[in-house]
Amino acid sequence: MLHPTFSGLFYFRGMHEDLLHYIWKNGKIPFTNLYTSRQKALQIISLGIHNHDAGPDFFHAKLEIDGQLWVGNVEIHVKSSDWYAHQHNIDSNYDNVILHVVWEEDTVVYRKNKEEIPALELINFIPGYILANYYKLFNSSRDNFINCERDLNSMDKFKFSVWLERLYFERLEEKSNEINRLLAEANNDWEKVLFILLLKNFGLKLNSEAFLSLGRALEFGIVRKLTHNVFQLESVLFGLAGLLDNESSKDRVLIQMKREYSYLRDKFKIKENGVQKPSFFRLRPASFPTIRLSQLANLYARQPQLFANIIATKEVDQVYKIFSISTSEYWQKHYVFGKLSPKRENKLSKSFINLLLINTIIPMIFCHSKWQGRDVSSRIIIIINKLKSEDNRIIRKFNNLGVNCSNAMYSQAILQLYSTYCTKNRCLECVVGDSLLKGK
């Protein structure tokens, strides 16, 4: 029986449905010696299958109520009146609900045929320590970075490590969703999707959307035809990106590129609609759109079968070799048209290639292997574990809490944990929150 202190505490603070879901899903109530709100004996044989889509919360539960066996669905609410507030009474998807699990029954709920739906009031059966730990977890200061920051370092290291590996592959699955959407747009042309994603990531945060719009607008068949001629490929990329629009410049290369782009635009009937112009604002010269697009053009000139080469890679060093490219000669002495700069090779740095590995190459390998029905998890773990952890505000915050992000797999997992669970208060779906709730 729930201690009155906890009952009063949660009436005052407010019960949340996510805790009730957690209690039912994880069987945190006794399976025997239960009774409904009408004092009928209740025995749980099977909790059912958690439904994450529309409809009742749990399918195919098996219960015995007052000696009679029932098989059907379970719906969970804080108050029983929520059944009517959510209009389940007029939704046929809820006709097969055999038990209404609530924190408090404030009204009786009936089926369409006027039969009463049995209710289980969890207020009478939830262990007090779970309520206390839940309140402690979610009553943290609003100034806290995450809810569990005071207790995170006490988490079992092995269990947390296994959870992070799972989160990393969850993140890969999410990136696969983007790849699959692009594949649908590109009629399953994997080479084109790779080109689009590389463009997006060559743009980094500031120009990712502009470069993505460029990749979507440019027919990849044109790229294939121009890989033998870097200048023509640069001209198309620069022209379509709006980087040749300077009318006053007398720069020789700019004038040549304009002429070349005009010719190729007419020849290939290139459409310029929907392409965003990239920005130079607050970028270091090495990340200027001019430099990145020249690097990408040279990459495809040297690697016309880029997708096949990437899919075949098994070692990080192979990727470094493939992406060991620099800009064209003009861009080794310029960052913008017409302005001479000290000569620099402007090669892709190892740290930049690591970002491409994390955000494009590994997700492409993962997604393509799934498409072929192959499991490459172990191969991916070997590759990602050789990459350094990312360094950003979120990773540094977790480092300060005692989480050691020793490689890129862990830093990616931490980013997934923070963005998908911590910021959305999905603590009860997290291994850390689950352990804290159990008091372990």
Protein backbone atom coordinates (compact mmCIF):
# COMPACT_ATOMS: atom_id res chain seq x y z
CA MET A 1 0.00 0.00 0.00
CA LEU A 2 1.28 3.48 -0.88
CA HIS A 3 2.42 5.55 2.06
CA PRO A 4 0.17 8.66 2.51
CA THR A 5 3.20 10.97 2.41
CA PHE A 6 3.97 9.88 -1.16
CA SER A 7 0.32 10.08 -2.14
CA GLY A 8 0.07 13.69 -0.97
CA LEU A 9 3.41 14.57 -2.53
CA PHE A 10 2.33 13.39 -5.97
CA TYR A 11 -1.11 14.89 -5.83
CA PHE A 12 0.59 18.19 -5.18
CA ARG A 13 3.37 17.85 -7.76
CA GLY A 14 1.27 16.11 -10.37
CA MET A 15 1.55 12.57 -11.65
CA HIS A 16 2.84 12.01 -15.20
CA GLU A 17 1.67 9.36 -17.60
CA ASP A 18 5.21 8.40 -18.58
CA LEU A 19 5.82 7.03 -15.08
CA LEU A 20 2.62 4.96 -15.24
CA HIS A 21 3.76 3.54 -18.59
CA TYR A 22 7.12 2.72 -17.05
CA ILE A 23 5.50 1.04 -14.03
CA TRP A 24 3.24 -1.15 -16.18
CA LYS A 25 5.79 -1.98 -18.90
CA ASN A 26 8.44 -3.01 -16.39
CA GLY A 27 6.08 -4.84 -14.06
CA LYS A 28 6.82 -2.65 -11.03
CA ILE A 29 3.62 -3.75 -9.33
CA PRO A 30 2.76 -7.15 -7.83
CA PHE A 31 1.29 -9.60 -10.36
CA THR A 32 -0.85 -11.16 -7.65
CA ASN A 33 -2.93 -9.85 -4.76
CA LEU A 34 -4.20 -7.02 -6.94
CA TYR A 35 -7.77 -5.83 -7.14
CA THR A 36 -9.71 -3.49 -9.37
CA SER A 37 -11.41 -0.32 -8.20
CA ARG A 38 -14.54 -2.45 -7.72
CA GLN A 39 -12.58 -4.81 -5.41
CA LYS A 40 -12.51 -7.66 -7.93
CA ALA A 41 -9.43 -9.91 -7.78
CA LEU A 42 -6.96 -9.16 -10.56
CA GLN A 43 -4.06 -11.33 -11.68
CA ILE A 44 -1.65 -10.22 -14.41
CA ILE A 45 -0.57 -13.09 -16.65
CA SER A 46 0.98 -10.99 -19.43
CA LEU A 47 1.50 -7.21 -19.55
CA GLY A 48 1.13 -7.09 -23.32
CA ILE A 49 3.19 -5.42 -26.05
CA HIS A 50 3.94 -1.70 -25.80
CA ASN A 51 2.30 0.19 -28.67
CA HIS A 52 4.21 3.31 -29.79
CA ASP A 53 1.66 4.27 -32.46
CA ALA A 54 -1.98 5.32 -32.37
CA GLY A 55 -4.38 3.19 -30.37
CA PRO A 56 -4.28 1.54 -26.94
CA ASP A 57 -1.00 1.67 -25.04
CA PHE A 58 -0.48 -2.10 -24.73
CA PHE A 59 -1.69 -4.85 -27.06
CA HIS A 60 -2.42 -8.52 -26.31
CA ALA A 61 -2.36 -8.37 -22.53
CA LYS A 62 -3.62 -11.43 -20.63
CA LEU A 63 -5.40 -10.96 -17.31
CA GLU A 64 -7.62 -12.84 -14.93
CA ILE A 65 -10.36 -10.71 -13.37
CA ASP A 66 -12.61 -12.22 -10.73
CA GLY A 67 -11.67 -15.70 -11.94
CA GLN A 68 -12.37 -14.99 -15.64
CA LEU A 69 -9.59 -14.95 -18.26
CA TRP A 70 -9.37 -11.86 -20.49
CA VAL A 71 -7.12 -11.26 -23.52
CA GLY A 72 -7.04 -7.80 -25.05
CA ASN A 73 -5.60 -4.31 -24.76
CA VAL A 74 -4.65 -2.03 -21.88
CA GLU A 75 -4.98 1.76 -21.82
CA ILE A 76 -3.13 3.97 -19.34
CA HIS A 77 -4.12 7.42 -18.06
CA VAL A 78 -3.42 9.60 -15.06
CA LYS A 79 -7.15 10.04 -14.36
CA SER A 80 -9.88 7.77 -15.68
CA SER A 81 -11.74 10.82 -17.02
CA ASP A 82 -8.93 11.24 -19.55
CA TRP A 83 -10.65 8.41 -21.45
CA TYR A 84 -13.43 10.83 -22.34
CA ALA A 85 -11.13 13.85 -22.67
CA HIS A 86 -9.20 11.93 -25.36
CA GLN A 87 -12.49 10.77 -26.97
CA HIS A 88 -11.62 7.07 -26.73
CA ASN A 89 -15.32 6.45 -26.10
CA ILE A 90 -16.05 7.14 -29.80
CA ASP A 91 -12.93 5.47 -31.20
CA SER A 92 -13.39 1.83 -32.28
CA ASN A 93 -9.65 1.20 -31.76
CA TYR A 94 -10.40 1.12 -28.03
CA ASP A 95 -13.30 -1.35 -28.14
CA ASN A 96 -11.04 -4.23 -27.06
CA VAL A 97 -9.61 -2.56 -23.95
CA ILE A 98 -9.93 -5.02 -21.07
CA LEU A 99 -8.29 -2.93 -18.33
CA HIS A 100 -7.97 0.80 -17.71
CA VAL A 101 -4.78 1.44 -15.70
CA VAL A 102 -4.94 4.81 -13.96
CA TRP A 103 -3.33 6.71 -11.13
CA GLU A 104 -6.75 7.73 -9.87
CA GLU A 105 -10.26 6.72 -10.88
CA ASP A 106 -12.30 9.91 -10.83
CA THR A 107 -15.08 8.55 -13.02
CA VAL A 108 -16.35 5.21 -14.25
CA VAL A 109 -15.55 4.37 -17.90
CA TYR A 110 -17.89 2.36 -20.13
CA ARG A 111 -17.60 0.60 -23.46
CA LYS A 112 -19.96 1.47 -26.29
CA ASN A 113 -22.25 -1.39 -25.23
CA LYS A 114 -22.51 0.22 -21.76
CA GLU A 115 -20.29 -2.40 -20.11
CA GLU A 116 -18.00 -0.98 -17.45
CA ILE A 117 -14.26 -1.24 -18.18
CA PRO A 118 -12.41 -2.52 -15.10
CA ALA A 119 -9.93 -0.03 -13.66
CA LEU A 120 -6.72 -0.58 -11.73
CA GLU A 121 -5.77 2.38 -9.53
CA LEU A 122 -1.96 2.38 -9.31
CA ILE A 123 -2.04 4.85 -6.44
CA ASN A 124 -2.66 1.84 -4.22
CA PHE A 125 0.16 -0.36 -5.51
CA ILE A 126 3.21 1.62 -6.66
CA PRO A 127 6.20 1.14 -4.32
CA GLY A 128 7.03 4.35 -2.46
CA TYR A 129 10.75 4.21 -3.31
CA ILE A 130 9.95 4.47 -7.04
CA LEU A 131 7.88 7.59 -6.49
CA ALA A 132 10.58 9.11 -4.29
CA ASN A 133 13.31 8.40 -6.86
CA TYR A 134 11.14 9.70 -9.68
CA TYR A 135 10.50 12.93 -7.81
CA LYS A 136 14.21 13.28 -7.04
CA LEU A 137 15.13 12.75 -10.70
CA PHE A 138 12.63 15.22 -12.13
CA ASN A 139 12.71 17.79 -9.34
CA SER A 140 16.25 18.85 -10.19
CA SER A 141 17.02 22.52 -10.56
CA ARG A 142 16.10 24.15 -13.85
CA ASP A 143 19.69 25.38 -13.96
CA ASN A 144 20.94 21.80 -14.21
CA PHE A 145 22.41 20.69 -17.52
CA ILE A 146 20.57 17.34 -17.36
CA ASN A 147 18.22 15.81 -14.78
CA CYS A 148 20.62 13.14 -13.57
CA GLU A 149 23.84 15.15 -13.47
CA ARG A 150 24.36 14.66 -9.73
CA ASP A 151 24.11 10.86 -10.02
CA LEU A 152 25.41 10.12 -13.52
CA ASN A 153 28.93 9.35 -12.33
CA SER A 154 27.61 6.61 -10.03
CA MET A 155 26.18 4.67 -12.96
CA ASP A 156 27.61 1.18 -13.56
CA LYS A 157 30.35 1.77 -16.16
CA PHE A 158 29.81 -1.45 -18.12
CA LYS A 159 26.03 -1.01 -18.31
CA PHE A 160 26.47 2.62 -19.40
CA SER A 161 29.02 1.61 -22.06
CA VAL A 162 26.61 -0.96 -23.52
CA TRP A 163 23.87 1.69 -23.52
CA LEU A 164 26.11 4.14 -25.38
CA GLU A 165 26.90 1.56 -28.07
CA ARG A 166 23.18 1.01 -28.53
CA LEU A 167 22.62 4.78 -28.75
CA TYR A 168 25.31 5.06 -31.41
CA PHE A 169 23.49 2.58 -33.64
CA GLU A 170 20.22 4.34 -32.88
CA ARG A 171 21.87 7.49 -34.25
CA LEU A 172 22.99 5.57 -37.34
CA GLU A 173 19.42 4.40 -37.85
CA GLU A 174 18.23 8.03 -37.78
CA LYS A 175 20.86 9.02 -40.32
CA SER A 176 19.73 6.07 -42.45
CA ASN A 177 16.27 7.60 -42.54
CA GLU A 178 17.70 10.71 -44.21
CA ILE A 179 19.65 8.54 -46.66
CA ASN A 180 16.52 6.55 -47.51
CA ARG A 181 14.56 9.74 -48.16
CA LEU A 182 17.29 10.97 -50.51
CA LEU A 183 17.40 7.57 -52.22
CA ALA A 184 13.68 7.82 -52.92
CA GLU A 185 14.24 11.25 -54.50
CA ALA A 186 17.22 9.95 -56.51
CA ASN A 187 15.58 6.75 -57.78
CA ASN A 188 17.96 4.62 -55.68
CA ASP A 189 21.08 6.19 -57.20
CA TRP A 190 23.57 5.60 -54.36
CA GLU A 191 26.29 7.62 -56.12
CA LYS A 192 24.03 10.66 -56.29
CA VAL A 193 23.02 10.34 -52.63
CA LEU A 194 26.68 10.15 -51.63
CA PHE A 195 27.37 13.28 -53.70
CA ILE A 196 24.48 15.16 -52.04
CA LEU A 197 25.54 14.17 -48.51
CA LEU A 198 29.17 14.99 -49.17
CA LEU A 199 28.14 18.40 -50.43
CA LYS A 200 26.01 18.95 -47.34
CA ASN A 201 28.88 18.05 -45.02
CA PHE A 202 31.47 19.98 -47.03
CA GLY A 203 29.31 23.00 -46.23
CA LEU A 204 29.67 22.34 -42.48
CA LYS A 205 27.06 23.92 -40.23
CA LEU A 206 26.84 27.34 -41.87
CA ASN A 207 26.49 26.23 -45.49
CA SER A 208 25.07 22.72 -45.10
CA GLU A 209 21.60 23.71 -46.34
CA ALA A 210 22.95 25.81 -49.22
CA PHE A 211 25.25 23.00 -50.35
CA LEU A 212 22.43 20.48 -49.91
CA SER A 213 20.21 22.53 -52.21
CA LEU A 214 23.06 22.60 -54.73
CA GLY A 215 23.42 18.81 -54.59
CA ARG A 216 19.70 18.27 -55.05
CA ALA A 217 19.50 20.68 -58.00
CA LEU A 218 22.46 19.30 -59.98
CA GLU A 219 21.78 16.14 -61.95
CA PHE A 220 24.47 13.68 -60.96
CA GLY A 221 24.73 12.47 -64.55
CA ILE A 222 26.31 15.85 -65.32
CA VAL A 223 28.88 15.33 -62.57
CA ARG A 224 29.72 11.92 -64.03
CA LYS A 225 30.29 13.45 -67.45
CA LEU A 226 32.56 16.20 -66.10
CA THR A 227 34.85 14.21 -63.76
CA HIS A 228 37.50 14.16 -66.51
CA ASN A 229 37.63 17.98 -66.51
CA VAL A 230 38.05 19.65 -63.09
CA PHE A 231 37.69 23.16 -64.48
CA GLN A 232 34.33 22.36 -66.06
CA LEU A 233 33.09 20.67 -62.91
CA GLU A 234 34.21 23.63 -60.79
CA SER A 235 32.52 26.01 -63.21
CA VAL A 236 29.20 24.19 -62.86
CA LEU A 237 29.42 23.99 -59.06
CA PHE A 238 30.47 27.63 -58.69
CA GLY A 239 27.93 28.86 -61.23
CA LEU A 240 24.98 26.95 -59.81
CA ALA A 241 25.95 28.12 -56.30
CA GLY A 242 25.85 31.76 -57.45
CA LEU A 243 29.57 32.33 -56.84
CA LEU A 244 30.21 33.69 -60.36
CA ASP A 245 27.82 36.64 -60.06
CA ASN A 246 30.49 39.34 -59.57
CA GLU A 247 30.01 41.58 -62.58
CA SER A 248 32.75 44.10 -61.77
CA SER A 249 35.67 41.70 -61.31
CA LYS A 250 38.24 41.49 -64.11
CA ASP A 251 39.74 38.28 -62.73
CA ARG A 252 40.77 36.04 -65.62
CA VAL A 253 39.67 32.75 -64.03
CA LEU A 254 36.30 34.18 -63.01
CA ILE A 255 35.67 35.37 -66.58
CA GLN A 256 36.65 31.95 -67.97
CA MET A 257 34.44 30.14 -65.47
CA LYS A 258 31.49 32.37 -66.32
CA ARG A 259 31.91 31.59 -69.99
CA GLU A 260 32.29 27.86 -69.31
CA TYR A 261 29.29 27.73 -66.99
CA SER A 262 27.10 29.58 -69.49
CA TYR A 263 28.03 27.03 -72.15
CA LEU A 264 27.50 23.99 -69.87
CA ARG A 265 24.26 25.36 -68.44
CA ASP A 266 22.78 25.59 -71.93
CA LYS A 267 24.26 22.27 -73.03
CA PHE A 268 22.93 20.27 -70.08
CA LYS A 269 19.81 22.42 -69.53
CA ILE A 270 20.80 23.05 -65.90
CA LYS A 271 18.00 24.49 -63.77
CA GLU A 272 19.02 27.02 -61.11
CA ASN A 273 15.73 27.17 -59.21
CA GLY A 274 15.83 26.55 -55.47
CA VAL A 275 19.61 26.78 -54.98
CA GLN A 276 20.65 28.86 -51.98
CA LYS A 277 23.76 31.00 -52.25
CA PRO A 278 26.40 29.94 -49.68
CA SER A 279 27.75 32.38 -47.12
CA PHE A 280 31.31 33.48 -46.30
CA PHE A 281 30.27 35.18 -43.07
CA ARG A 282 32.34 34.25 -39.99
CA LEU A 283 34.12 31.44 -41.80
CA ARG A 284 37.83 30.83 -41.74
CA PRO A 285 39.28 31.14 -45.25
CA ALA A 286 40.04 27.39 -45.36
CA SER A 287 36.29 26.75 -45.06
CA PHE A 288 35.17 29.30 -47.66
CA PRO A 289 32.63 27.87 -50.14
CA THR A 290 35.11 28.47 -52.96
CA ILE A 291 37.71 26.24 -51.29
CA ARG A 292 35.25 23.49 -50.35
CA LEU A 293 33.70 23.29 -53.81
CA SER A 294 37.11 23.14 -55.46
CA GLN A 295 38.13 20.34 -53.11
CA LEU A 296 34.96 18.42 -53.93
CA ALA A 297 35.49 18.86 -57.68
CA ASN A 298 39.04 17.54 -57.36
CA LEU A 299 37.83 14.63 -55.26
CA TYR A 300 35.47 13.47 -58.02
CA ALA A 301 38.09 14.10 -60.69
CA ARG A 302 40.44 11.73 -58.85
CA GLN A 303 37.76 9.28 -57.69
CA PRO A 304 35.10 8.88 -60.42
CA GLN A 305 34.03 5.59 -58.73
CA LEU A 306 33.91 7.18 -55.30
CA PHE A 307 30.90 5.31 -53.95
CA ALA A 308 32.28 1.86 -54.82
CA ASN A 309 35.64 2.76 -53.29
CA ILE A 310 34.07 4.01 -50.07
CA ILE A 311 31.77 1.00 -49.65
CA ALA A 312 34.77 -1.30 -50.01
CA THR A 313 36.84 0.43 -47.32
CA LYS A 314 37.52 -1.46 -44.10
CA GLU A 315 40.22 0.72 -42.56
CA VAL A 316 40.33 4.39 -41.65
CA ASP A 317 43.66 4.81 -43.46
CA GLN A 318 41.98 3.78 -46.72
CA VAL A 319 39.51 6.64 -46.31
CA TYR A 320 42.29 9.10 -45.53
CA LYS A 321 44.00 8.02 -48.76
CA ILE A 322 40.85 8.43 -50.85
CA PHE A 323 40.23 11.92 -49.46
CA SER A 324 43.83 13.08 -49.66
CA ILE A 325 43.01 15.85 -52.11
CA SER A 326 43.51 19.59 -52.34
CA THR A 327 42.09 22.44 -54.38
CA SER A 328 42.90 23.39 -57.94
CA GLU A 329 46.04 25.50 -58.41
CA TYR A 330 44.16 28.80 -58.59
CA TRP A 331 42.60 28.20 -55.17
CA GLN A 332 45.99 27.51 -53.66
CA LYS A 333 46.72 31.22 -54.10
CA HIS A 334 43.20 32.63 -53.69
CA TYR A 335 40.30 32.31 -51.29
CA VAL A 336 38.01 34.55 -53.31
CA PHE A 337 38.14 35.61 -56.95
CA GLY A 338 40.64 38.33 -57.80
CA LYS A 339 42.37 38.58 -54.42
CA LEU A 340 45.82 37.01 -54.19
CA SER A 341 46.72 35.22 -50.95
CA PRO A 342 49.86 33.45 -49.69
CA LYS A 343 50.15 30.03 -51.33
CA ARG A 344 48.57 27.13 -49.46
CA GLU A 345 47.87 23.64 -50.67
CA ASN A 346 44.43 23.67 -49.01
CA LYS A 347 44.27 19.91 -48.52
CA LEU A 348 41.45 18.29 -46.63
CA SER A 349 42.58 17.98 -43.01
CA LYS A 350 42.39 14.72 -41.11
CA SER A 351 39.91 16.27 -38.67
CA PHE A 352 37.65 17.28 -41.57
CA ILE A 353 37.84 13.79 -43.07
CA ASN A 354 36.89 12.42 -39.66
CA LEU A 355 33.73 14.54 -39.78
CA LEU A 356 32.97 13.10 -43.22
CA LEU A 357 33.50 9.61 -41.83
CA ILE A 358 31.17 10.24 -38.90
CA ASN A 359 28.40 12.06 -40.76
CA THR A 360 28.51 10.63 -44.29
CA ILE A 361 30.77 7.67 -44.97
CA ILE A 362 29.93 5.38 -42.05
CA PRO A 363 26.17 6.08 -42.31
CA MET A 364 26.36 5.27 -46.05
CA ILE A 365 28.21 2.00 -45.36
CA PHE A 366 25.68 1.12 -42.66
CA CYS A 367 22.64 1.95 -44.77
CA HIS A 368 23.92 0.24 -47.93
CA SER A 369 24.77 -2.92 -45.98
CA LYS A 370 21.26 -2.99 -44.47
CA TRP A 371 19.86 -2.59 -47.97
CA GLN A 372 21.88 -5.64 -49.02
CA GLY A 373 20.86 -7.57 -45.92
CA ARG A 374 24.37 -7.66 -44.45
CA ASP A 375 25.40 -6.91 -40.86
CA VAL A 376 28.51 -4.74 -40.71
CA SER A 377 28.17 -3.64 -37.08
CA SER A 378 31.54 -5.03 -36.02
CA ARG A 379 33.27 -3.40 -39.01
CA ILE A 380 31.67 -0.05 -38.21
CA ILE A 381 32.65 -0.26 -34.54
CA ILE A 382 36.27 -0.91 -35.53
CA ILE A 383 36.29 2.17 -37.79
CA ILE A 384 34.45 4.57 -35.46
CA ASN A 385 36.54 3.55 -32.44
CA LYS A 386 39.67 4.72 -34.27
CA LEU A 387 38.33 8.25 -34.66
CA LYS A 388 38.87 10.91 -32.04
CA SER A 389 35.97 12.15 -29.99
CA GLU A 390 34.28 15.28 -31.24
CA ASP A 391 34.86 18.41 -29.22
CA ASN A 392 31.88 20.64 -28.63
CA ARG A 393 29.94 22.20 -25.75
CA ILE A 394 27.76 19.14 -25.13
CA ILE A 395 30.68 16.70 -25.06
CA ARG A 396 32.64 18.97 -22.72
CA LYS A 397 29.65 19.19 -20.37
CA PHE A 398 29.43 15.40 -20.16
CA ASN A 399 33.20 15.18 -19.68
CA ASN A 400 32.81 17.48 -16.66
CA LEU A 401 30.22 15.05 -15.28
CA GLY A 402 32.75 12.21 -15.44
CA VAL A 403 31.75 10.69 -18.79
CA ASN A 404 34.88 9.73 -20.72
CA CYS A 405 34.27 10.16 -24.46
CA SER A 406 37.38 8.31 -25.57
CA ASN A 407 36.43 8.07 -29.25
CA ALA A 408 33.89 9.19 -31.84
CA MET A 409 31.47 6.35 -31.13
CA TYR A 410 31.04 7.60 -27.58
CA SER A 411 30.80 11.26 -28.57
CA GLN A 412 28.13 10.43 -31.17
CA ALA A 413 26.28 8.34 -28.61
CA ILE A 414 26.41 11.18 -26.06
CA LEU A 415 25.01 13.61 -28.64
CA GLN A 416 22.20 11.14 -29.30
CA LEU A 417 21.57 10.72 -25.58
CA TYR A 418 21.43 14.46 -25.00
CA SER A 419 19.31 15.47 -28.00
CA THR A 420 16.90 12.53 -27.99
CA TYR A 421 16.53 11.71 -24.29
CA CYS A 422 17.93 14.35 -21.91
CA THR A 423 16.43 17.44 -23.56
CA LYS A 424 13.05 15.71 -23.95
CA ASN A 425 12.90 14.35 -20.39
CA ARG A 426 12.77 10.77 -21.69
CA CYS A 427 14.66 9.64 -18.60
CA LEU A 428 12.46 6.59 -18.05
CA GLU A 429 13.54 5.26 -21.46
CA CYS A 430 17.22 5.70 -20.57
CA VAL A 431 19.38 3.14 -18.78
CA VAL A 432 20.56 5.84 -16.38
CA GLY A 433 17.06 6.96 -15.44
CA ASP A 434 15.91 3.36 -15.12
CA SER A 435 18.79 2.55 -12.74
CA LEU A 436 18.15 5.66 -10.65
CA LEU A 437 14.45 4.86 -10.40
CA LYS A 438 15.27 1.37 -9.15
CA GLY A 439 17.71 2.87 -6.66
CA LYS A 440 20.64 0.97 -8.15
